[in-house]
Amino acid sequence: MGPAETAYAKTPDGLHIAYQVYGEESIDIVLPPPVGCVDVMWDDPTFAHVVKRFGRFARVISLDFRGLGVSDPVPLGALPSPEEWLEDIRIVLDAAGSTSATIISWGNFAVTSMFAATYPERTNALVLLDASARMMYSEDYDFGISPQALEMMAGLFEDFWGTEAMAMYDVPERANDKEFCRTYARAARLMGSPAAMASYLRFVWQLDLRPILESIHVPTLVLHGKTGRLTSLDHGRYLADHIEGARFVAYDGGGNPFLGDCADEVVNHIEEFVTGIPAVYEPDRALATVLFTDIVGSTTLATEHGDKKWTEILDRHDAIVDRELHRHRGRKVNPTGDGMVATFDGPARAVRCAQAICAAVPALGIQVRAGLHTGEVELRGEDIGGIAVHIGQRVSSLAGAGEVYVSRTVTDLVAGSGLEFEGRGEHELKGVHGTWAIYAVRPPS
């Protein structure tokens, strides 16, 4: 499943509503973009992972509501009414040839839950994800947030909207992934300007959806993060208690539900609710040799050389790494600042690549340590995960300057390759069960 094409549906008053349709299953769902706007949903492996998961069990219709993303803008003094957002959904459903769909109302888009009450004949089911009937405190809604605190938060959103700091706040699990933070910040900027988004937040935070809850009579799942920053579990429980027959599920998480560590759990719950079949999702997996390298004493060296000289050294280091990866058919997965992670489909080539890198970089006045392990890894777009990755990292941390360490698995798989090893004893690897035999690769003679 590749990136979908953005199309436009036209409202009676001439506004263009951007939308995408992807997935080929018989069930339709309406999903606000997991990030800023429909045009960037496929730009980052983390974004694309969630998008593809939805597309495996449903035909997904994602839209940018009027005034947001790549849909036509609206004046800040004339923000859309809830009824106009519902019209956007109806018009896009018509354009996509959908007679009815499951509506996913997420966070500040909870107002779209009104679609289920207004157009029950076009709503198969409703998912309320990290949503609330209202945000503002009142005597009969005492877990709401005070107007003063909401205004302060709107100001903070305006100050940090579209910055990497906002990405780190929304998805703290990815705070060290600079490329993700840059892409996330760009997606937010494409969703709307800081002033526009602050205006939208002030608008939706004043809404009170409680009067419409008793008018929702479609199957409803209320899915709420246990550690939500703005909306506590009380908000989710209130929705479930006031919608007929609603099911309430608390999931582990509280940041962006589609981009953090809880994303697969969230999609699993939605898939089971929508299809009626428990999700049997297994991450894509493959056998690979994972190589970790890092520059020994990089912090001290950076201080000694100064920023400009150190940047030049890192650039030359990266060029050597890229050259050797190309020669040995490795794939760089993720730079780590002073090192890198790569995968190989052959362990012998991976070891020889590590040796070549360790032998080449002393000319730059630096030394590198390397560690390798072969095992089954989870394929997450361009990224990887799983226990094999953790083992490779732990093995690397044991190596000294200029050394290449490997797990017993690697030595067993390269028998007959001409590579030679020296035992380095049994080690406990942090976070990994049991003890592991570790070996150093003998330098080529």
Protein backbone atom coordinates (compact mmCIF):
# COMPACT_ATOMS: atom_id res chain seq x y z
CA MET A 1 0.00 0.00 0.00
CA GLY A 2 1.59 3.24 -1.16
CA PRO A 3 0.73 6.91 -0.72
CA ALA A 4 -2.81 7.74 -1.77
CA GLU A 5 -3.68 10.59 -4.08
CA THR A 6 -5.32 13.71 -2.67
CA ALA A 7 -8.63 14.66 -4.26
CA TYR A 8 -11.09 17.50 -3.64
CA ALA A 9 -14.81 17.51 -2.96
CA LYS A 10 -16.70 20.79 -3.40
CA THR A 11 -19.19 22.20 -0.91
CA PRO A 12 -22.38 24.01 -2.02
CA ASP A 13 -20.75 27.33 -1.13
CA GLY A 14 -17.72 26.58 -3.29
CA LEU A 15 -15.13 25.44 -0.75
CA HIS A 16 -12.77 22.60 -1.67
CA ILE A 17 -12.37 19.82 0.91
CA ALA A 18 -9.21 17.72 0.53
CA TYR A 19 -9.45 13.99 1.12
CA GLN A 20 -7.72 10.69 0.45
CA VAL A 21 -9.11 7.17 0.12
CA TYR A 22 -6.91 4.13 0.74
CA GLY A 23 -7.40 0.47 1.57
CA GLU A 24 -9.67 -1.92 -0.31
CA GLU A 25 -11.79 -3.67 2.31
CA SER A 26 -15.59 -3.54 2.35
CA ILE A 27 -15.83 -1.56 5.61
CA ASP A 28 -15.57 2.24 5.35
CA ILE A 29 -14.17 4.40 8.13
CA VAL A 30 -13.76 8.17 8.34
CA LEU A 31 -10.49 9.08 10.03
CA PRO A 32 -9.07 12.58 10.60
CA PRO A 33 -5.41 12.51 9.53
CA PRO A 34 -3.19 11.06 12.27
CA VAL A 35 -0.93 14.07 11.60
CA GLY A 36 -1.36 17.63 10.33
CA CYS A 37 -2.95 17.12 6.93
CA VAL A 38 -3.68 14.41 4.39
CA ASP A 39 -0.70 15.34 2.21
CA VAL A 40 1.88 14.34 4.85
CA MET A 41 0.31 11.14 6.21
CA TRP A 42 2.83 9.01 4.32
CA ASP A 43 5.96 11.15 4.86
CA ASP A 44 7.36 9.42 7.96
CA PRO A 45 7.60 5.66 8.61
CA THR A 46 5.76 6.12 11.91
CA PHE A 47 2.93 8.00 10.18
CA ALA A 48 2.73 5.49 7.35
CA HIS A 49 2.74 2.49 9.70
CA VAL A 50 -0.56 3.55 11.28
CA VAL A 51 -2.11 4.58 7.97
CA LYS A 52 -1.29 1.19 6.46
CA ARG A 53 -2.65 -0.68 9.48
CA PHE A 54 -6.05 0.96 9.07
CA GLY A 55 -5.97 0.24 5.35
CA ARG A 56 -5.52 -3.49 5.99
CA PHE A 57 -8.98 -3.93 7.51
CA ALA A 58 -11.00 -1.03 6.06
CA ARG A 59 -11.37 1.41 3.24
CA VAL A 60 -10.23 4.61 4.92
CA ILE A 61 -11.49 8.07 4.06
CA SER A 62 -9.31 10.82 5.55
CA LEU A 63 -10.15 14.48 5.11
CA ASP A 64 -8.92 17.92 6.04
CA PHE A 65 -11.89 19.86 7.37
CA ARG A 66 -12.50 23.30 5.88
CA GLY A 67 -9.95 25.80 7.11
CA LEU A 68 -7.39 23.08 7.90
CA GLY A 69 -4.57 21.39 6.02
CA VAL A 70 -4.80 21.59 2.24
CA SER A 71 -8.55 22.30 2.19
CA ASP A 72 -9.66 25.83 1.41
CA PRO A 73 -8.92 28.32 4.21
CA VAL A 74 -11.54 30.29 6.13
CA PRO A 75 -11.21 33.66 7.90
CA LEU A 76 -10.19 33.43 11.55
CA GLY A 77 -13.20 35.55 12.41
CA ALA A 78 -15.57 33.10 10.73
CA LEU A 79 -14.52 29.64 11.91
CA PRO A 80 -16.67 26.73 10.74
CA SER A 81 -19.66 25.72 12.79
CA PRO A 82 -20.06 22.09 13.90
CA GLU A 83 -22.77 21.72 11.26
CA GLU A 84 -20.31 22.77 8.54
CA TRP A 85 -17.79 20.16 9.65
CA LEU A 86 -20.54 17.54 9.48
CA GLU A 87 -21.32 18.76 5.98
CA ASP A 88 -17.65 18.23 5.06
CA ILE A 89 -17.92 14.58 6.12
CA ARG A 90 -21.17 14.05 4.20
CA ILE A 91 -19.80 15.65 1.04
CA VAL A 92 -16.59 13.64 1.15
CA LEU A 93 -18.51 10.40 1.75
CA ASP A 94 -20.57 11.19 -1.34
CA ALA A 95 -17.44 11.93 -3.37
CA ALA A 96 -15.85 8.66 -2.23
CA GLY A 97 -18.98 6.68 -3.11
CA SER A 98 -19.63 5.67 0.49
CA THR A 99 -23.20 5.23 1.70
CA SER A 100 -22.24 4.71 5.35
CA ALA A 101 -19.10 4.52 7.48
CA THR A 102 -17.68 4.21 10.97
CA ILE A 103 -16.79 7.68 12.24
CA ILE A 104 -13.61 8.06 14.28
CA SER A 105 -13.79 11.23 16.40
CA TRP A 106 -10.37 11.97 17.84
CA GLY A 107 -9.44 14.51 20.51
CA ASN A 108 -10.38 18.03 19.49
CA PHE A 109 -12.36 16.61 16.56
CA ALA A 110 -14.87 15.08 19.00
CA VAL A 111 -17.48 17.46 17.58
CA THR A 112 -17.66 15.14 14.57
CA SER A 113 -19.43 12.65 16.84
CA MET A 114 -22.51 14.76 16.09
CA PHE A 115 -22.51 13.07 12.67
CA ALA A 116 -23.67 9.84 14.32
CA ALA A 117 -26.66 11.59 15.88
CA THR A 118 -27.48 13.73 12.84
CA TYR A 119 -26.99 11.09 10.13
CA PRO A 120 -27.57 7.71 11.83
CA GLU A 121 -28.49 6.16 8.47
CA ARG A 122 -24.96 6.93 7.23
CA THR A 123 -23.15 5.88 10.41
CA ASN A 124 -22.29 2.24 11.00
CA ALA A 125 -20.54 2.90 14.31
CA LEU A 126 -18.71 5.58 16.27
CA VAL A 127 -15.26 5.57 17.88
CA LEU A 128 -14.53 8.32 20.41
CA LEU A 129 -10.76 8.40 20.88
CA ASP A 130 -9.33 10.57 23.68
CA ALA A 131 -12.47 12.67 23.32
CA SER A 132 -14.58 14.65 25.76
CA ALA A 133 -18.14 15.94 25.91
CA ARG A 134 -16.70 19.30 26.92
CA MET A 135 -13.34 20.61 28.04
CA MET A 136 -14.29 23.46 30.33
CA TYR A 137 -15.02 23.11 34.04
CA SER A 138 -18.53 23.60 35.37
CA GLU A 139 -20.21 22.64 38.62
CA ASP A 140 -21.83 19.65 36.95
CA TYR A 141 -18.61 18.76 35.10
CA ASP A 142 -16.00 19.17 37.80
CA PHE A 143 -13.18 17.26 36.07
CA GLY A 144 -13.12 19.86 33.30
CA ILE A 145 -10.37 22.47 33.03
CA SER A 146 -10.77 26.04 34.21
CA PRO A 147 -11.20 28.76 31.55
CA GLN A 148 -8.00 30.41 32.76
CA ALA A 149 -5.98 27.21 32.36
CA LEU A 150 -7.46 26.58 28.90
CA GLU A 151 -6.55 30.10 27.80
CA MET A 152 -3.01 29.61 29.08
CA MET A 153 -2.76 26.33 27.14
CA ALA A 154 -4.07 27.98 23.96
CA GLY A 155 -1.31 30.57 24.31
CA LEU A 156 1.32 27.86 24.77
CA PHE A 157 0.02 25.99 21.72
CA GLU A 158 0.32 29.19 19.70
CA ASP A 159 3.89 29.78 20.93
CA PHE A 160 5.10 26.25 20.19
CA TRP A 161 2.87 25.25 17.27
CA GLY A 162 4.82 23.80 14.37
CA THR A 163 8.09 23.45 16.30
CA GLU A 164 10.12 20.40 17.21
CA ALA A 165 9.43 21.18 20.88
CA MET A 166 5.74 20.50 20.23
CA ALA A 167 6.63 17.16 18.63
CA MET A 168 8.64 16.19 21.70
CA TYR A 169 5.68 17.08 23.92
CA ASP A 170 3.08 15.24 21.84
CA VAL A 171 5.19 12.13 21.19
CA PRO A 172 7.85 11.97 23.93
CA GLU A 173 8.77 8.43 22.88
CA ARG A 174 10.27 9.88 19.69
CA ALA A 175 11.94 12.93 21.25
CA ASN A 176 15.42 11.72 20.26
CA ASP A 177 14.42 11.04 16.66
CA LYS A 178 15.30 14.38 15.07
CA GLU A 179 14.01 13.44 11.62
CA PHE A 180 10.62 12.46 13.08
CA CYS A 181 10.42 15.70 15.08
CA ARG A 182 11.19 17.78 11.99
CA THR A 183 8.56 15.95 9.93
CA TYR A 184 5.98 16.20 12.73
CA ALA A 185 6.61 19.93 13.09
CA ARG A 186 6.24 20.42 9.33
CA ALA A 187 2.98 18.45 9.36
CA ALA A 188 1.62 20.73 12.09
CA ARG A 189 2.56 23.84 10.12
CA LEU A 190 0.76 22.48 7.07
CA MET A 191 -2.32 21.85 9.20
CA GLY A 192 -2.58 25.54 10.03
CA SER A 193 -0.72 28.60 11.27
CA PRO A 194 -0.12 29.19 15.00
CA ALA A 195 -2.83 31.86 15.22
CA ALA A 196 -5.30 29.72 13.26
CA MET A 197 -4.77 26.67 15.44
CA ALA A 198 -5.04 28.68 18.66
CA SER A 199 -8.33 30.08 17.38
CA TYR A 200 -9.62 26.59 16.55
CA LEU A 201 -8.66 25.32 20.00
CA ARG A 202 -10.40 28.20 21.74
CA PHE A 203 -13.47 27.50 19.62
CA VAL A 204 -13.73 23.74 20.21
CA TRP A 205 -12.85 24.04 23.88
CA GLN A 206 -15.96 26.13 24.42
CA LEU A 207 -18.28 23.50 22.92
CA ASP A 208 -20.54 21.37 25.08
CA LEU A 209 -21.63 18.13 23.42
CA ARG A 210 -23.48 16.71 26.42
CA PRO A 211 -26.96 17.52 25.06
CA ILE A 212 -26.41 15.35 21.95
CA LEU A 213 -25.04 12.24 23.69
CA GLU A 214 -28.46 10.72 24.37
CA SER A 215 -29.24 11.07 20.66
CA ILE A 216 -26.40 8.74 19.64
CA HIS A 217 -27.87 5.27 19.02
CA VAL A 218 -25.16 3.62 16.92
CA PRO A 219 -22.63 1.12 18.33
CA THR A 220 -20.01 3.23 20.12
CA LEU A 221 -16.49 2.54 21.39
CA VAL A 222 -15.01 5.04 23.84
CA LEU A 223 -11.24 4.53 23.77
CA HIS A 224 -9.25 6.67 26.20
CA GLY A 225 -5.60 6.90 27.23
CA LYS A 226 -4.82 6.28 30.89
CA THR A 227 -2.32 9.13 31.09
CA GLY A 228 -3.96 11.81 28.95
CA ARG A 229 -2.50 15.29 29.45
CA LEU A 230 -5.65 17.29 28.69
CA THR A 231 -8.45 14.79 29.13
CA SER A 232 -8.37 12.41 32.06
CA LEU A 233 -10.12 9.04 32.09
CA ASP A 234 -13.11 10.79 33.69
CA HIS A 235 -13.86 12.42 30.32
CA GLY A 236 -13.97 9.05 28.60
CA ARG A 237 -16.05 7.43 31.32
CA TYR A 238 -18.55 10.29 31.12
CA LEU A 239 -19.02 9.69 27.40
CA ALA A 240 -19.48 5.95 27.88
CA ASP A 241 -21.95 6.49 30.72
CA HIS A 242 -24.13 8.85 28.67
CA ILE A 243 -24.18 7.09 25.28
CA GLU A 244 -26.56 4.18 25.04
CA GLY A 245 -24.72 0.85 24.98
CA ALA A 246 -21.27 2.43 24.64
CA ARG A 247 -18.24 0.29 25.40
CA PHE A 248 -15.40 1.89 27.39
CA VAL A 249 -11.76 0.81 27.02
CA ALA A 250 -8.74 2.44 28.68
CA TYR A 251 -5.48 1.93 26.81
CA ASP A 252 -1.89 2.43 27.97
CA GLY A 253 -0.87 5.86 26.77
CA GLY A 254 -1.76 9.51 26.71
CA GLY A 255 0.16 11.39 24.02
CA ASN A 256 -0.65 11.20 20.32
CA PRO A 257 -2.50 7.83 20.18
CA PHE A 258 -1.42 7.11 16.61
CA LEU A 259 2.29 7.88 16.81
CA GLY A 260 3.52 6.75 20.22
CA ASP A 261 4.33 3.33 21.63
CA CYS A 262 0.61 2.61 22.14
CA ALA A 263 -0.33 3.05 18.46
CA ASP A 264 -0.71 -0.65 17.67
CA GLU A 265 -2.78 -1.22 20.82
CA VAL A 266 -5.11 1.61 19.78
CA VAL A 267 -5.50 0.26 16.24
CA ASN A 268 -6.05 -3.26 17.58
CA HIS A 269 -9.00 -2.08 19.68
CA ILE A 270 -10.50 -0.17 16.76
CA GLU A 271 -10.02 -3.07 14.34
CA GLU A 272 -11.77 -5.51 16.67
CA PHE A 273 -14.64 -3.08 17.25
CA VAL A 274 -15.10 -2.28 13.56
CA THR A 275 -14.74 -5.81 12.17
CA GLY A 276 -16.11 -7.81 15.11
CA ILE A 277 -13.02 -10.00 14.95
CA PRO A 278 -10.12 -9.73 17.44
CA ALA A 279 -7.12 -8.18 15.74
CA VAL A 280 -4.45 -10.72 14.92
CA TYR A 281 -1.76 -8.24 14.05
CA GLU A 282 1.80 -9.43 13.82
CA PRO A 283 4.42 -6.85 12.90
CA ASP A 284 6.22 -7.61 9.66
CA ARG A 285 9.27 -9.62 10.67
CA ALA A 286 12.43 -10.76 8.96
CA LEU A 287 15.74 -12.38 9.86
CA ALA A 288 18.54 -9.84 9.75
CA THR A 289 21.97 -9.12 11.16
CA VAL A 290 21.91 -5.87 13.08
CA LEU A 291 25.08 -3.77 13.30
CA PHE A 292 25.56 -0.99 15.83
CA THR A 293 28.56 1.35 15.72
CA ASP A 294 29.46 4.40 17.75
CA ILE A 295 32.43 6.72 18.11
CA VAL A 296 34.36 6.11 21.30
CA GLY A 297 34.64 9.16 23.57
CA SER A 298 32.64 11.35 21.18
CA THR A 299 31.60 13.90 23.82
CA THR A 300 35.21 14.55 24.89
CA LEU A 301 36.39 14.71 21.28
CA ALA A 302 33.63 17.15 20.32
CA THR A 303 34.67 19.45 23.17
CA GLU A 304 38.33 19.26 22.21
CA HIS A 305 37.78 19.94 18.50
CA GLY A 306 35.00 22.52 18.68
CA ASP A 307 31.72 22.46 16.75
CA LYS A 308 33.03 23.30 13.29
CA LYS A 309 35.92 20.81 13.25
CA TRP A 310 33.81 18.09 14.91
CA THR A 311 31.08 18.50 12.29
CA GLU A 312 33.68 18.04 9.57
CA ILE A 313 34.93 14.86 11.25
CA LEU A 314 31.38 13.51 11.57
CA ASP A 315 30.70 14.24 7.90
CA ARG A 316 33.82 12.31 6.88
CA HIS A 317 32.91 9.49 9.28
CA ASP A 318 29.43 9.30 7.72
CA ALA A 319 30.94 9.16 4.23
CA ILE A 320 33.13 6.19 5.25
CA VAL A 321 30.13 4.42 6.81
CA ASP A 322 28.00 4.99 3.71
CA ARG A 323 30.79 3.72 1.45
CA GLU A 324 31.27 0.52 3.43
CA LEU A 325 27.54 -0.11 3.74
CA HIS A 326 27.26 0.16 -0.04
CA ARG A 327 30.21 -2.20 -0.56
CA HIS A 328 28.81 -4.80 1.83
CA ARG A 329 25.12 -4.43 0.86
CA GLY A 330 24.01 -3.05 4.21
CA ARG A 331 21.05 -0.77 4.82
CA LYS A 332 21.38 2.16 7.19
CA VAL A 333 18.36 2.24 9.46
CA ASN A 334 18.95 5.12 11.79
CA PRO A 335 21.88 7.44 12.53
CA THR A 336 22.44 7.78 16.27
CA GLY A 337 24.34 11.08 16.39
CA ASP A 338 27.80 9.60 16.91
CA GLY A 339 27.14 6.25 15.24
CA MET A 340 24.64 4.30 13.22
CA VAL A 341 22.41 1.23 13.02
CA ALA A 342 22.33 -0.94 9.91
CA THR A 343 20.91 -4.28 8.82
CA PHE A 344 22.33 -6.95 6.53
CA ASP A 345 20.88 -10.07 4.96
CA GLY A 346 24.19 -11.87 5.48
CA PRO A 347 26.08 -11.96 8.82
CA ALA A 348 29.55 -12.43 7.28
CA ARG A 349 29.18 -9.28 5.18
CA ALA A 350 27.97 -7.43 8.26
CA VAL A 351 31.08 -8.45 10.24
CA ARG A 352 33.41 -7.47 7.40
CA CYS A 353 31.62 -4.14 7.05
CA ALA A 354 32.15 -3.46 10.77
CA GLN A 355 35.84 -4.38 10.44
CA ALA A 356 36.27 -2.06 7.46
CA ILE A 357 34.68 0.88 9.29
CA CYS A 358 36.81 0.30 12.41
CA ALA A 359 39.96 0.12 10.25
CA ALA A 360 39.20 3.27 8.23
CA VAL A 361 38.16 5.84 10.83
CA PRO A 362 41.44 6.15 12.84
CA ALA A 363 42.71 8.29 9.94
CA LEU A 364 40.18 10.86 11.15
CA GLY A 365 41.60 10.82 14.67
CA ILE A 366 38.69 8.77 16.04
CA GLN A 367 37.95 5.16 16.91
CA VAL A 368 34.74 3.20 16.59
CA ARG A 369 33.33 0.23 18.51
CA ALA A 370 30.88 -2.17 16.86
CA GLY A 371 28.49 -4.91 17.91
CA LEU A 372 26.41 -7.40 15.92
CA HIS A 373 23.62 -9.89 16.49
CA THR A 374 21.51 -11.93 14.10
CA GLY A 375 17.84 -12.47 14.87
CA GLU A 376 14.28 -11.75 13.84
CA VAL A 377 13.52 -8.03 13.70
CA GLU A 378 10.25 -6.14 13.39
CA LEU A 379 10.04 -4.05 10.21
CA ARG A 380 8.40 -0.70 10.96
CA GLY A 381 8.52 1.10 7.65
CA GLU A 382 12.13 2.24 7.35
CA ASP A 383 12.77 1.56 11.06
CA ILE A 384 13.29 -1.71 12.93
CA GLY A 385 12.46 -3.00 16.39
CA GLY A 386 12.37 -6.13 18.51
CA ILE A 387 14.59 -7.98 20.93
CA ALA A 388 17.28 -8.64 18.31
CA VAL A 389 17.87 -4.90 18.04
CA HIS A 390 18.27 -4.56 21.80
CA ILE A 391 20.75 -7.46 21.87
CA GLY A 392 22.84 -5.90 19.09
CA GLN A 393 22.99 -2.61 21.00
CA ARG A 394 24.00 -4.32 24.25
CA VAL A 395 26.74 -6.32 22.49
CA SER A 396 28.10 -3.11 20.98
CA SER A 397 28.30 -1.45 24.39
CA LEU A 398 30.70 -4.17 25.60
CA ALA A 399 33.26 -3.59 22.84
CA GLY A 400 36.32 -1.41 23.26
CA ALA A 401 37.85 1.10 20.87
CA GLY A 402 38.45 -0.47 17.46
CA GLU A 403 36.81 -3.75 18.49
CA VAL A 404 34.00 -5.70 16.84
CA TYR A 405 31.96 -7.88 19.20
CA VAL A 406 29.33 -10.40 18.14
CA SER A 407 26.86 -12.77 19.78
CA ARG A 408 27.20 -16.54 19.66
CA THR A 409 24.43 -16.59 17.06
CA VAL A 410 26.65 -14.70 14.62
CA THR A 411 29.66 -17.01 15.13
CA ASP A 412 27.48 -20.06 14.47
CA LEU A 413 26.11 -18.60 11.24
CA VAL A 414 29.46 -17.60 9.70
CA ALA A 415 31.22 -20.93 10.18
CA GLY A 416 33.41 -21.58 7.14
CA SER A 417 33.60 -17.91 6.19
CA GLY A 418 37.24 -17.51 7.24
CA LEU A 419 36.34 -15.13 10.08
CA GLU A 420 37.99 -15.90 13.42
CA PHE A 421 36.80 -15.10 16.92
CA GLU A 422 38.06 -14.95 20.50
CA GLY A 423 35.77 -15.63 23.42
CA ARG A 424 34.95 -12.75 25.74
CA GLY A 425 32.98 -14.73 28.31
CA GLU A 426 29.34 -14.91 29.35
CA HIS A 427 27.52 -11.62 29.94
CA GLU A 428 24.17 -10.50 31.23
CA LEU A 429 22.69 -8.04 28.75
CA LYS A 430 20.53 -5.36 30.33
CA GLY A 431 16.86 -5.99 29.65
CA VAL A 432 17.53 -9.37 28.00
CA HIS A 433 16.86 -12.69 29.72
CA GLY A 434 19.72 -15.05 30.59
CA THR A 435 23.45 -14.86 29.91
CA TRP A 436 25.01 -14.49 26.48
CA ALA A 437 28.32 -15.73 25.11
CA ILE A 438 30.16 -12.82 23.51
CA TYR A 439 33.04 -13.02 21.01
CA ALA A 440 35.52 -10.52 19.59
CA VAL A 441 36.30 -10.68 15.90
CA ARG A 442 40.02 -11.14 15.28
CA PRO A 443 41.43 -8.45 12.99
CA PRO A 444 42.20 -9.69 9.47
CA SER A 445 45.81 -10.85 9.16
